[in-house]
Amino acid sequence: MAQQKAVIKNMDHLGLIAGMVDELKIKETIDKAIPSSSKSKNLSYGEATKTMILNGLGYVNKQLYLTPLFFKDKPLKRLFGSDVDFSWFNDDALGRTLDKLFEYGVSELYEKIASRALKILNLTLSTIHLDSTSFHLDGRYPNQEIREKGEDCEPTPVFITQGYSRDHHPELNQAVLNLIVGHKAGIPVWMKPADDNQIDAEAFANIVKGHINSLRSANDTKTKVIADAALFTSKTMEEFKKNNMLFISRVSSKLKKAKEILKNHSKEEFIQLDENYQAIPYVVD
């Protein structure tokens, strides 16, 4: 009898990631939103996206064209639930998938994935947090040069530029990520990149009008929105009132009424919330 040669496959932590991708129906959501136009393709867009998630969370930090090598020693049938070949994960297939995701709209697609995940996990959004954060980038970008010259350019995802720096490095190029997160679970339910010089007050007002009301409709109770002072604008307050929503925010000290309150009350009257914040109750008729 011929002796069979043992074959070792490395799964590591990827089994947990693949299991969660399957449980949250991420592949199915993508394939429903972006169905493949050709039956001859080995991978659907959902399967290719799952491939990139596994590769990205494999912590190897390799170029896209090296993805097949990453999966060469992995138990692919266990990870994907069917017979697949590592050569299918080439940069052409993954590149086409990234193009399709961009054409559809990554923020819109992520919102669909998150909404379905919340239903599967039986989570409700009674309270959500809205905020923006910045990331600095190194290098020089074509759209930055075009903007400096005052010329028009084709639409791009974001403009890489300099603006207010939360890291106190205004000399660095930056991009912004707007984010909505569920309070209890801490799960991001919506996100979208933006130009670094965005005005948060305007951006938050547009987000409230375009997205938060759709999140509210899935709940029986009033959704509470928590954000910083950029949320407190007349436009945003009108949206909250119209959609019967609640909010928690810090009133900007630049407002006339806020200046009067600060002027008419001493520091001793304020309640110490923590080492950074003080507050005073005030009811507006």
C-alpha atoms as a PDB file:
ATOM      1  CA  MET A   1       0.000   0.000   0.000  1.00  0.00           C
ATOM      2  CA  ALA A   2       1.367   3.400  -0.990  1.00  0.00           C
ATOM      3  CA  GLN A   3       1.919   5.668   1.972  1.00  0.00           C
ATOM      4  CA  GLN A   4       0.008   8.941   1.816  1.00  0.00           C
ATOM      5  CA  LYS A   5       2.027  12.101   2.273  1.00  0.00           C
ATOM      6  CA  ALA A   6       0.833  14.405   5.053  1.00  0.00           C
ATOM      7  CA  VAL A   7      -0.084  17.934   4.003  1.00  0.00           C
ATOM      8  CA  ILE A   8       0.019  20.739   6.555  1.00  0.00           C
ATOM      9  CA  LYS A   9      -2.314  23.711   6.169  1.00  0.00           C
ATOM     10  CA  ASN A  10      -2.121  26.826   8.347  1.00  0.00           C
ATOM     11  CA  MET A  11      -5.451  28.279   9.428  1.00  0.00           C
ATOM     12  CA  ASP A  12      -4.295  30.338  12.421  1.00  0.00           C
ATOM     13  CA  HIS A  13      -6.988  32.881  13.399  1.00  0.00           C
ATOM     14  CA  LEU A  14      -8.505  33.076   9.916  1.00  0.00           C
ATOM     15  CA  GLY A  15     -11.153  30.461  10.755  1.00  0.00           C
ATOM     16  CA  LEU A  16     -12.707  32.870  13.258  1.00  0.00           C
ATOM     17  CA  ILE A  17     -12.717  35.701  10.718  1.00  0.00           C
ATOM     18  CA  ALA A  18     -14.181  33.537   7.945  1.00  0.00           C
ATOM     19  CA  GLY A  19     -16.854  32.261  10.344  1.00  0.00           C
ATOM     20  CA  MET A  20     -17.897  35.796  11.283  1.00  0.00           C
ATOM     21  CA  VAL A  21     -17.973  36.898   7.623  1.00  0.00           C
ATOM     22  CA  ASP A  22     -20.289  33.956   6.916  1.00  0.00           C
ATOM     23  CA  GLU A  23     -22.470  34.550   9.984  1.00  0.00           C
ATOM     24  CA  LEU A  24     -23.008  38.211   9.117  1.00  0.00           C
ATOM     25  CA  LYS A  25     -23.834  37.300   5.490  1.00  0.00           C
ATOM     26  CA  ILE A  26     -21.304  39.803   4.151  1.00  0.00           C
ATOM     27  CA  LYS A  27     -20.629  37.843   0.957  1.00  0.00           C
ATOM     28  CA  GLU A  28     -24.346  37.373   0.262  1.00  0.00           C
ATOM     29  CA  THR A  29     -25.088  41.083   0.840  1.00  0.00           C
ATOM     30  CA  ILE A  30     -22.380  42.144  -1.619  1.00  0.00           C
ATOM     31  CA  ASP A  31     -23.437  39.603  -4.262  1.00  0.00           C
ATOM     32  CA  LYS A  32     -27.043  40.768  -4.004  1.00  0.00           C
ATOM     33  CA  ALA A  33     -26.057  44.425  -4.369  1.00  0.00           C
ATOM     34  CA  ILE A  34     -23.443  43.795  -7.083  1.00  0.00           C
ATOM     35  CA  PRO A  35     -24.284  40.578  -8.953  1.00  0.00           C
ATOM     36  CA  SER A  36     -21.581  39.170 -11.215  1.00  0.00           C
ATOM     37  CA  SER A  37     -22.238  39.794 -14.902  1.00  0.00           C
ATOM     38  CA  SER A  38     -20.318  36.712 -16.050  1.00  0.00           C
ATOM     39  CA  LYS A  39     -20.802  33.077 -15.069  1.00  0.00           C
ATOM     40  CA  SER A  40     -17.291  32.234 -16.246  1.00  0.00           C
ATOM     41  CA  LYS A  41     -15.633  34.051 -13.349  1.00  0.00           C
ATOM     42  CA  ASN A  42     -14.231  31.833 -10.628  1.00  0.00           C
ATOM     43  CA  LEU A  43     -15.042  34.286  -7.832  1.00  0.00           C
ATOM     44  CA  SER A  44     -18.071  36.471  -7.200  1.00  0.00           C
ATOM     45  CA  TYR A  45     -17.502  39.997  -5.921  1.00  0.00           C
ATOM     46  CA  GLY A  46     -18.605  38.861  -2.466  1.00  0.00           C
ATOM     47  CA  GLU A  47     -16.112  35.994  -2.448  1.00  0.00           C
ATOM     48  CA  ALA A  48     -13.313  38.264  -3.663  1.00  0.00           C
ATOM     49  CA  THR A  49     -14.148  40.745  -0.898  1.00  0.00           C
ATOM     50  CA  LYS A  50     -14.028  37.932   1.667  1.00  0.00           C
ATOM     51  CA  THR A  51     -10.613  37.029   0.252  1.00  0.00           C
ATOM     52  CA  MET A  52      -9.319  40.562   0.826  1.00  0.00           C
ATOM     53  CA  ILE A  53     -10.764  40.672   4.354  1.00  0.00           C
ATOM     54  CA  LEU A  54      -8.940  37.445   5.256  1.00  0.00           C
ATOM     55  CA  ASN A  55      -5.754  38.684   3.639  1.00  0.00           C
ATOM     56  CA  GLY A  56      -5.994  42.099   5.290  1.00  0.00           C
ATOM     57  CA  LEU A  57      -6.588  40.620   8.733  1.00  0.00           C
ATOM     58  CA  GLY A  58      -3.786  38.114   8.201  1.00  0.00           C
ATOM     59  CA  TYR A  59      -1.387  40.908   9.221  1.00  0.00           C
ATOM     60  CA  VAL A  60       1.092  40.250   6.413  1.00  0.00           C
ATOM     61  CA  ASN A  61       1.028  43.731   4.813  1.00  0.00           C
ATOM     62  CA  LYS A  62       1.799  42.442   1.318  1.00  0.00           C
ATOM     63  CA  GLN A  63       1.012  43.873  -2.114  1.00  0.00           C
ATOM     64  CA  LEU A  64      -2.230  42.838  -3.815  1.00  0.00           C
ATOM     65  CA  TYR A  65      -0.511  40.671  -6.422  1.00  0.00           C
ATOM     66  CA  LEU A  66       1.000  38.507  -3.646  1.00  0.00           C
ATOM     67  CA  THR A  67      -2.438  37.480  -2.333  1.00  0.00           C
ATOM     68  CA  PRO A  68      -2.310  34.024  -4.046  1.00  0.00           C
ATOM     69  CA  LEU A  69       0.911  33.222  -2.169  1.00  0.00           C
ATOM     70  CA  PHE A  70      -0.766  34.133   1.120  1.00  0.00           C
ATOM     71  CA  PHE A  71      -3.491  31.526   0.503  1.00  0.00           C
ATOM     72  CA  LYS A  72      -1.178  28.845  -0.911  1.00  0.00           C
ATOM     73  CA  ASP A  73      -0.802  27.027   2.434  1.00  0.00           C
ATOM     74  CA  LYS A  74      -4.319  27.771   3.785  1.00  0.00           C
ATOM     75  CA  PRO A  75      -7.203  25.240   4.101  1.00  0.00           C
ATOM     76  CA  LEU A  76      -9.307  26.949   1.438  1.00  0.00           C
ATOM     77  CA  LYS A  77     -12.261  24.550   1.543  1.00  0.00           C
ATOM     78  CA  ARG A  78     -12.726  25.190   5.258  1.00  0.00           C
ATOM     79  CA  LEU A  79     -12.367  28.948   4.853  1.00  0.00           C
ATOM     80  CA  PHE A  80     -14.601  29.301   1.783  1.00  0.00           C
ATOM     81  CA  GLY A  81     -16.880  26.267   2.086  1.00  0.00           C
ATOM     82  CA  SER A  82     -16.112  25.045  -1.442  1.00  0.00           C
ATOM     83  CA  ASP A  83     -13.229  23.894  -3.622  1.00  0.00           C
ATOM     84  CA  VAL A  84     -11.319  26.998  -4.656  1.00  0.00           C
ATOM     85  CA  ASP A  85      -7.779  27.395  -5.943  1.00  0.00           C
ATOM     86  CA  PHE A  86      -5.337  29.938  -4.550  1.00  0.00           C
ATOM     87  CA  SER A  87      -4.478  31.054  -8.108  1.00  0.00           C
ATOM     88  CA  TRP A  88      -7.976  32.510  -8.430  1.00  0.00           C
ATOM     89  CA  PHE A  89      -7.071  35.259  -5.939  1.00  0.00           C
ATOM     90  CA  ASN A  90      -4.938  37.159  -8.443  1.00  0.00           C
ATOM     91  CA  ASP A  91      -4.658  40.933  -8.594  1.00  0.00           C
ATOM     92  CA  ASP A  92      -6.804  41.148 -11.744  1.00  0.00           C
ATOM     93  CA  ALA A  93      -9.802  39.526 -10.000  1.00  0.00           C
ATOM     94  CA  LEU A  94      -9.311  41.546  -6.825  1.00  0.00           C
ATOM     95  CA  GLY A  95      -8.699  44.763  -8.761  1.00  0.00           C
ATOM     96  CA  ARG A  96     -11.942  44.337 -10.725  1.00  0.00           C
ATOM     97  CA  THR A  97     -13.747  43.803  -7.428  1.00  0.00           C
ATOM     98  CA  LEU A  98     -12.323  46.991  -5.923  1.00  0.00           C
ATOM     99  CA  ASP A  99     -13.428  48.912  -9.030  1.00  0.00           C
ATOM    100  CA  LYS A 100     -16.958  47.513  -8.713  1.00  0.00           C
ATOM    101  CA  LEU A 101     -17.146  48.363  -5.014  1.00  0.00           C
ATOM    102  CA  PHE A 102     -16.068  51.928  -5.759  1.00  0.00           C
ATOM    103  CA  GLU A 103     -18.565  52.280  -8.614  1.00  0.00           C
ATOM    104  CA  TYR A 104     -21.416  51.095  -6.391  1.00  0.00           C
ATOM    105  CA  GLY A 105     -20.317  53.282  -3.460  1.00  0.00           C
ATOM    106  CA  VAL A 106     -18.386  51.801  -0.567  1.00  0.00           C
ATOM    107  CA  SER A 107     -20.249  53.846   2.048  1.00  0.00           C
ATOM    108  CA  GLU A 108     -23.642  52.817   0.668  1.00  0.00           C
ATOM    109  CA  LEU A 109     -22.554  49.177   0.505  1.00  0.00           C
ATOM    110  CA  TYR A 110     -21.147  49.262   4.030  1.00  0.00           C
ATOM    111  CA  GLU A 111     -24.441  50.674   5.308  1.00  0.00           C
ATOM    112  CA  LYS A 112     -26.271  47.670   3.792  1.00  0.00           C
ATOM    113  CA  ILE A 113     -23.798  45.228   5.359  1.00  0.00           C
ATOM    114  CA  ALA A 114     -24.036  46.894   8.771  1.00  0.00           C
ATOM    115  CA  SER A 115     -27.844  47.031   8.676  1.00  0.00           C
ATOM    116  CA  ARG A 116     -28.061  43.310   7.922  1.00  0.00           C
ATOM    117  CA  ALA A 117     -25.462  42.499  10.591  1.00  0.00           C
ATOM    118  CA  LEU A 118     -27.473  44.397  13.234  1.00  0.00           C
ATOM    119  CA  LYS A 119     -30.587  42.360  12.379  1.00  0.00           C
ATOM    120  CA  ILE A 120     -28.655  39.075  12.516  1.00  0.00           C
ATOM    121  CA  LEU A 121     -27.111  40.001  15.878  1.00  0.00           C
ATOM    122  CA  ASN A 122     -30.497  41.287  17.122  1.00  0.00           C
ATOM    123  CA  LEU A 123     -29.081  44.693  18.051  1.00  0.00           C
ATOM    124  CA  THR A 124     -31.105  47.913  18.197  1.00  0.00           C
ATOM    125  CA  LEU A 125     -29.823  51.460  17.795  1.00  0.00           C
ATOM    126  CA  SER A 126     -31.475  53.368  20.610  1.00  0.00           C
ATOM    127  CA  THR A 127     -28.354  55.545  20.977  1.00  0.00           C
ATOM    128  CA  ILE A 128     -25.732  56.331  18.337  1.00  0.00           C
ATOM    129  CA  HIS A 129     -22.560  58.400  18.241  1.00  0.00           C
ATOM    130  CA  LEU A 130     -21.639  60.675  15.325  1.00  0.00           C
ATOM    131  CA  ASP A 131     -18.101  61.997  14.965  1.00  0.00           C
ATOM    132  CA  SER A 132     -15.279  62.597  12.531  1.00  0.00           C
ATOM    133  CA  THR A 133     -11.590  61.818  12.810  1.00  0.00           C
ATOM    134  CA  SER A 134      -8.573  62.641  10.668  1.00  0.00           C
ATOM    135  CA  PHE A 135      -5.695  60.555   9.358  1.00  0.00           C
ATOM    136  CA  HIS A 136      -2.456  62.016   8.109  1.00  0.00           C
ATOM    137  CA  LEU A 137      -0.916  60.773   4.873  1.00  0.00           C
ATOM    138  CA  ASP A 138       2.606  61.050   3.542  1.00  0.00           C
ATOM    139  CA  GLY A 139       3.505  61.950  -0.036  1.00  0.00           C
ATOM    140  CA  ARG A 140       2.055  64.252  -2.654  1.00  0.00           C
ATOM    141  CA  TYR A 141      -1.185  63.629  -4.534  1.00  0.00           C
ATOM    142  CA  PRO A 142      -2.284  64.742  -8.038  1.00  0.00           C
ATOM    143  CA  ASN A 143      -5.599  66.254  -6.890  1.00  0.00           C
ATOM    144  CA  GLN A 144      -3.704  68.343  -4.342  1.00  0.00           C
ATOM    145  CA  GLU A 145      -1.591  69.917  -7.095  1.00  0.00           C
ATOM    146  CA  ILE A 146      -4.692  70.532  -9.248  1.00  0.00           C
ATOM    147  CA  ARG A 147      -6.505  72.272  -6.388  1.00  0.00           C
ATOM    148  CA  GLU A 148      -3.484  74.483  -5.654  1.00  0.00           C
ATOM    149  CA  LYS A 149      -3.517  75.619  -9.301  1.00  0.00           C
ATOM    150  CA  GLY A 150      -7.249  76.374  -9.096  1.00  0.00           C
ATOM    151  CA  GLU A 151      -8.078  73.923 -11.875  1.00  0.00           C
ATOM    152  CA  ASP A 152     -11.043  71.568 -12.167  1.00  0.00           C
ATOM    153  CA  CYS A 153     -10.532  67.820 -12.003  1.00  0.00           C
ATOM    154  CA  GLU A 154     -12.540  64.631 -12.335  1.00  0.00           C
ATOM    155  CA  PRO A 155     -14.488  63.501  -9.244  1.00  0.00           C
ATOM    156  CA  THR A 156     -12.289  61.750  -6.690  1.00  0.00           C
ATOM    157  CA  PRO A 157     -13.180  60.009  -3.399  1.00  0.00           C
ATOM    158  CA  VAL A 158     -11.589  62.753  -1.278  1.00  0.00           C
ATOM    159  CA  PHE A 159      -9.174  65.632  -1.639  1.00  0.00           C
ATOM    160  CA  ILE A 160      -5.944  65.048   0.247  1.00  0.00           C
ATOM    161  CA  THR A 161      -5.138  68.434   1.685  1.00  0.00           C
ATOM    162  CA  GLN A 162      -4.102  70.288   4.845  1.00  0.00           C
ATOM    163  CA  GLY A 163      -6.601  71.526   7.412  1.00  0.00           C
ATOM    164  CA  TYR A 164      -7.354  71.600  11.118  1.00  0.00           C
ATOM    165  CA  SER A 165      -5.199  68.885  12.685  1.00  0.00           C
ATOM    166  CA  ARG A 166      -6.492  66.907  15.640  1.00  0.00           C
ATOM    167  CA  ASP A 167      -2.933  65.594  16.006  1.00  0.00           C
ATOM    168  CA  HIS A 168      -1.586  69.173  16.173  1.00  0.00           C
ATOM    169  CA  HIS A 169       0.410  68.708  12.955  1.00  0.00           C
ATOM    170  CA  PRO A 170      -1.122  71.173  10.457  1.00  0.00           C
ATOM    171  CA  GLU A 171       1.860  70.710   8.127  1.00  0.00           C
ATOM    172  CA  LEU A 172       0.744  67.153   7.273  1.00  0.00           C
ATOM    173  CA  ASN A 173      -1.647  66.135   4.498  1.00  0.00           C
ATOM    174  CA  GLN A 174      -4.826  64.607   5.883  1.00  0.00           C
ATOM    175  CA  ALA A 175      -8.137  62.947   5.097  1.00  0.00           C
ATOM    176  CA  VAL A 176     -11.260  62.734   7.276  1.00  0.00           C
ATOM    177  CA  LEU A 177     -13.529  59.811   8.141  1.00  0.00           C
ATOM    178  CA  ASN A 178     -17.115  60.546   9.225  1.00  0.00           C
ATOM    179  CA  LEU A 179     -18.442  57.752  11.416  1.00  0.00           C
ATOM    180  CA  ILE A 180     -21.693  56.624  13.066  1.00  0.00           C
ATOM    181  CA  VAL A 181     -21.304  54.009  15.811  1.00  0.00           C
ATOM    182  CA  GLY A 182     -23.884  52.116  17.841  1.00  0.00           C
ATOM    183  CA  HIS A 183     -23.592  53.027  21.525  1.00  0.00           C
ATOM    184  CA  LYS A 184     -23.892  49.651  23.275  1.00  0.00           C
ATOM    185  CA  ALA A 185     -22.281  47.321  20.760  1.00  0.00           C
ATOM    186  CA  GLY A 186     -19.686  49.818  19.529  1.00  0.00           C
ATOM    187  CA  ILE A 187     -20.274  48.638  15.953  1.00  0.00           C
ATOM    188  CA  PRO A 188     -19.718  51.176  13.146  1.00  0.00           C
ATOM    189  CA  VAL A 189     -23.001  51.357  11.225  1.00  0.00           C
ATOM    190  CA  TRP A 190     -22.029  54.013   8.673  1.00  0.00           C
ATOM    191  CA  MET A 191     -18.796  55.627   7.542  1.00  0.00           C
ATOM    192  CA  LYS A 192     -17.623  57.851   4.737  1.00  0.00           C
ATOM    193  CA  PRO A 193     -14.278  59.513   3.914  1.00  0.00           C
ATOM    194  CA  ALA A 194     -14.200  63.242   3.252  1.00  0.00           C
ATOM    195  CA  ASP A 195     -11.892  66.107   2.403  1.00  0.00           C
ATOM    196  CA  ASP A 196      -9.760  67.158   5.324  1.00  0.00           C
ATOM    197  CA  ASN A 197     -10.976  70.760   5.118  1.00  0.00           C
ATOM    198  CA  GLN A 198     -14.630  69.772   5.599  1.00  0.00           C
ATOM    199  CA  ILE A 199     -16.709  71.926   7.961  1.00  0.00           C
ATOM    200  CA  ASP A 200     -18.058  69.507  10.564  1.00  0.00           C
ATOM    201  CA  ALA A 201     -21.205  71.540  11.264  1.00  0.00           C
ATOM    202  CA  GLU A 202     -22.258  71.346   7.594  1.00  0.00           C
ATOM    203  CA  ALA A 203     -21.195  67.715   7.257  1.00  0.00           C
ATOM    204  CA  PHE A 204     -23.079  66.611  10.385  1.00  0.00           C
ATOM    205  CA  ALA A 205     -26.243  68.388   9.239  1.00  0.00           C
ATOM    206  CA  ASN A 206     -26.138  66.562   5.891  1.00  0.00           C
ATOM    207  CA  ILE A 207     -25.465  63.217   7.611  1.00  0.00           C
ATOM    208  CA  VAL A 208     -28.405  63.702   9.963  1.00  0.00           C
ATOM    209  CA  LYS A 209     -30.705  64.523   7.062  1.00  0.00           C
ATOM    210  CA  GLY A 210     -29.515  61.762   4.778  1.00  0.00           C
ATOM    211  CA  HIS A 211     -28.720  58.803   7.014  1.00  0.00           C
ATOM    212  CA  ILE A 212     -29.670  58.944  10.672  1.00  0.00           C
ATOM    213  CA  ASN A 213     -33.404  59.079   9.980  1.00  0.00           C
ATOM    214  CA  SER A 214     -33.153  55.768   8.099  1.00  0.00           C
ATOM    215  CA  LEU A 215     -31.500  54.261  11.178  1.00  0.00           C
ATOM    216  CA  ARG A 216     -34.242  55.663  13.389  1.00  0.00           C
ATOM    217  CA  SER A 217     -36.994  53.997  11.345  1.00  0.00           C
ATOM    218  CA  ALA A 218     -35.787  50.549  12.419  1.00  0.00           C
ATOM    219  CA  ASN A 219     -36.534  51.244  16.091  1.00  0.00           C
ATOM    220  CA  ASP A 220     -39.726  51.612  18.089  1.00  0.00           C
ATOM    221  CA  THR A 221     -38.203  54.171  20.452  1.00  0.00           C
ATOM    222  CA  LYS A 222     -36.676  57.569  19.842  1.00  0.00           C
ATOM    223  CA  THR A 223     -33.087  57.399  18.671  1.00  0.00           C
ATOM    224  CA  LYS A 224     -30.668  59.521  20.696  1.00  0.00           C
ATOM    225  CA  VAL A 225     -27.758  61.041  18.776  1.00  0.00           C
ATOM    226  CA  ILE A 226     -24.570  61.960  20.658  1.00  0.00           C
ATOM    227  CA  ALA A 227     -22.010  64.284  19.047  1.00  0.00           C
ATOM    228  CA  ASP A 228     -19.813  67.288  19.798  1.00  0.00           C
ATOM    229  CA  ALA A 229     -20.683  70.977  19.360  1.00  0.00           C
ATOM    230  CA  ALA A 230     -20.633  70.689  15.550  1.00  0.00           C
ATOM    231  CA  LEU A 231     -24.025  68.975  15.838  1.00  0.00           C
ATOM    232  CA  PHE A 232     -25.657  72.020  17.453  1.00  0.00           C
ATOM    233  CA  THR A 233     -26.849  74.029  14.440  1.00  0.00           C
ATOM    234  CA  SER A 234     -30.291  75.345  13.519  1.00  0.00           C
ATOM    235  CA  LYS A 235     -30.413  73.113  10.432  1.00  0.00           C
ATOM    236  CA  THR A 236     -29.691  69.978  12.461  1.00  0.00           C
ATOM    237  CA  MET A 237     -32.122  70.922  15.230  1.00  0.00           C
ATOM    238  CA  GLU A 238     -34.892  71.300  12.643  1.00  0.00           C
ATOM    239  CA  GLU A 239     -34.191  67.785  11.351  1.00  0.00           C
ATOM    240  CA  PHE A 240     -34.322  66.335  14.857  1.00  0.00           C
ATOM    241  CA  LYS A 241     -37.619  68.081  15.596  1.00  0.00           C
ATOM    242  CA  LYS A 242     -39.151  67.023  12.287  1.00  0.00           C
ATOM    243  CA  ASN A 243     -38.143  63.368  12.762  1.00  0.00           C
ATOM    244  CA  ASN A 244     -38.982  63.196  16.487  1.00  0.00           C
ATOM    245  CA  MET A 245     -35.406  62.443  17.553  1.00  0.00           C
ATOM    246  CA  LEU A 246     -33.380  63.300  20.653  1.00  0.00           C
ATOM    247  CA  PHE A 247     -29.779  64.477  20.890  1.00  0.00           C
ATOM    248  CA  ILE A 248     -26.986  65.045  23.415  1.00  0.00           C
ATOM    249  CA  SER A 249     -24.349  67.598  22.515  1.00  0.00           C
ATOM    250  CA  ARG A 250     -22.220  70.436  23.821  1.00  0.00           C
ATOM    251  CA  VAL A 251     -23.490  73.924  23.047  1.00  0.00           C
ATOM    252  CA  SER A 252     -20.884  76.048  21.313  1.00  0.00           C
ATOM    253  CA  SER A 253     -19.564  78.819  23.555  1.00  0.00           C
ATOM    254  CA  LYS A 254     -19.680  81.144  20.524  1.00  0.00           C
ATOM    255  CA  LEU A 255     -23.486  81.351  20.659  1.00  0.00           C
ATOM    256  CA  LYS A 256     -24.967  84.554  22.129  1.00  0.00           C
ATOM    257  CA  LYS A 257     -27.100  82.696  24.693  1.00  0.00           C
ATOM    258  CA  ALA A 258     -24.146  80.576  25.784  1.00  0.00           C
ATOM    259  CA  LYS A 259     -22.018  83.679  26.264  1.00  0.00           C
ATOM    260  CA  GLU A 260     -24.724  85.222  28.464  1.00  0.00           C
ATOM    261  CA  ILE A 261     -24.951  82.099  30.655  1.00  0.00           C
ATOM    262  CA  LEU A 262     -21.180  81.913  31.064  1.00  0.00           C
ATOM    263  CA  LYS A 263     -21.098  85.613  31.956  1.00  0.00           C
ATOM    264  CA  ASN A 264     -23.927  85.425  34.506  1.00  0.00           C
ATOM    265  CA  HIS A 265     -22.726  82.336  36.411  1.00  0.00           C
ATOM    266  CA  SER A 266     -19.575  81.892  38.455  1.00  0.00           C
ATOM    267  CA  LYS A 267     -17.274  78.881  38.159  1.00  0.00           C
ATOM    268  CA  GLU A 268     -18.442  77.625  41.556  1.00  0.00           C
ATOM    269  CA  GLU A 269     -21.968  77.099  40.190  1.00  0.00           C
ATOM    270  CA  PHE A 270     -20.794  74.599  37.577  1.00  0.00           C
ATOM    271  CA  ILE A 271     -20.927  70.850  38.252  1.00  0.00           C
ATOM    272  CA  GLN A 272     -17.635  69.012  37.774  1.00  0.00           C
ATOM    273  CA  LEU A 273     -18.360  66.130  35.376  1.00  0.00           C
ATOM    274  CA  ASP A 274     -14.770  64.858  35.150  1.00  0.00           C
ATOM    275  CA  GLU A 275     -11.269  66.287  35.073  1.00  0.00           C
ATOM    276  CA  ASN A 276     -11.907  67.975  31.722  1.00  0.00           C
ATOM    277  CA  TYR A 277     -15.560  69.050  31.728  1.00  0.00           C
ATOM    278  CA  GLN A 278     -17.913  71.189  33.803  1.00  0.00           C
ATOM    279  CA  ALA A 279     -21.619  71.818  33.221  1.00  0.00           C
ATOM    280  CA  ILE A 280     -24.555  73.836  34.468  1.00  0.00           C
ATOM    281  CA  PRO A 281     -28.218  72.901  33.936  1.00  0.00           C
ATOM    282  CA  TYR A 282     -30.174  75.429  31.926  1.00  0.00           C
ATOM    283  CA  VAL A 283     -33.656  75.138  30.449  1.00  0.00           C
ATOM    284  CA  VAL A 284     -34.531  77.122  27.319  1.00  0.00           C
ATOM    285  CA  ASP A 285     -38.212  77.961  26.867  1.00  0.00           C
END
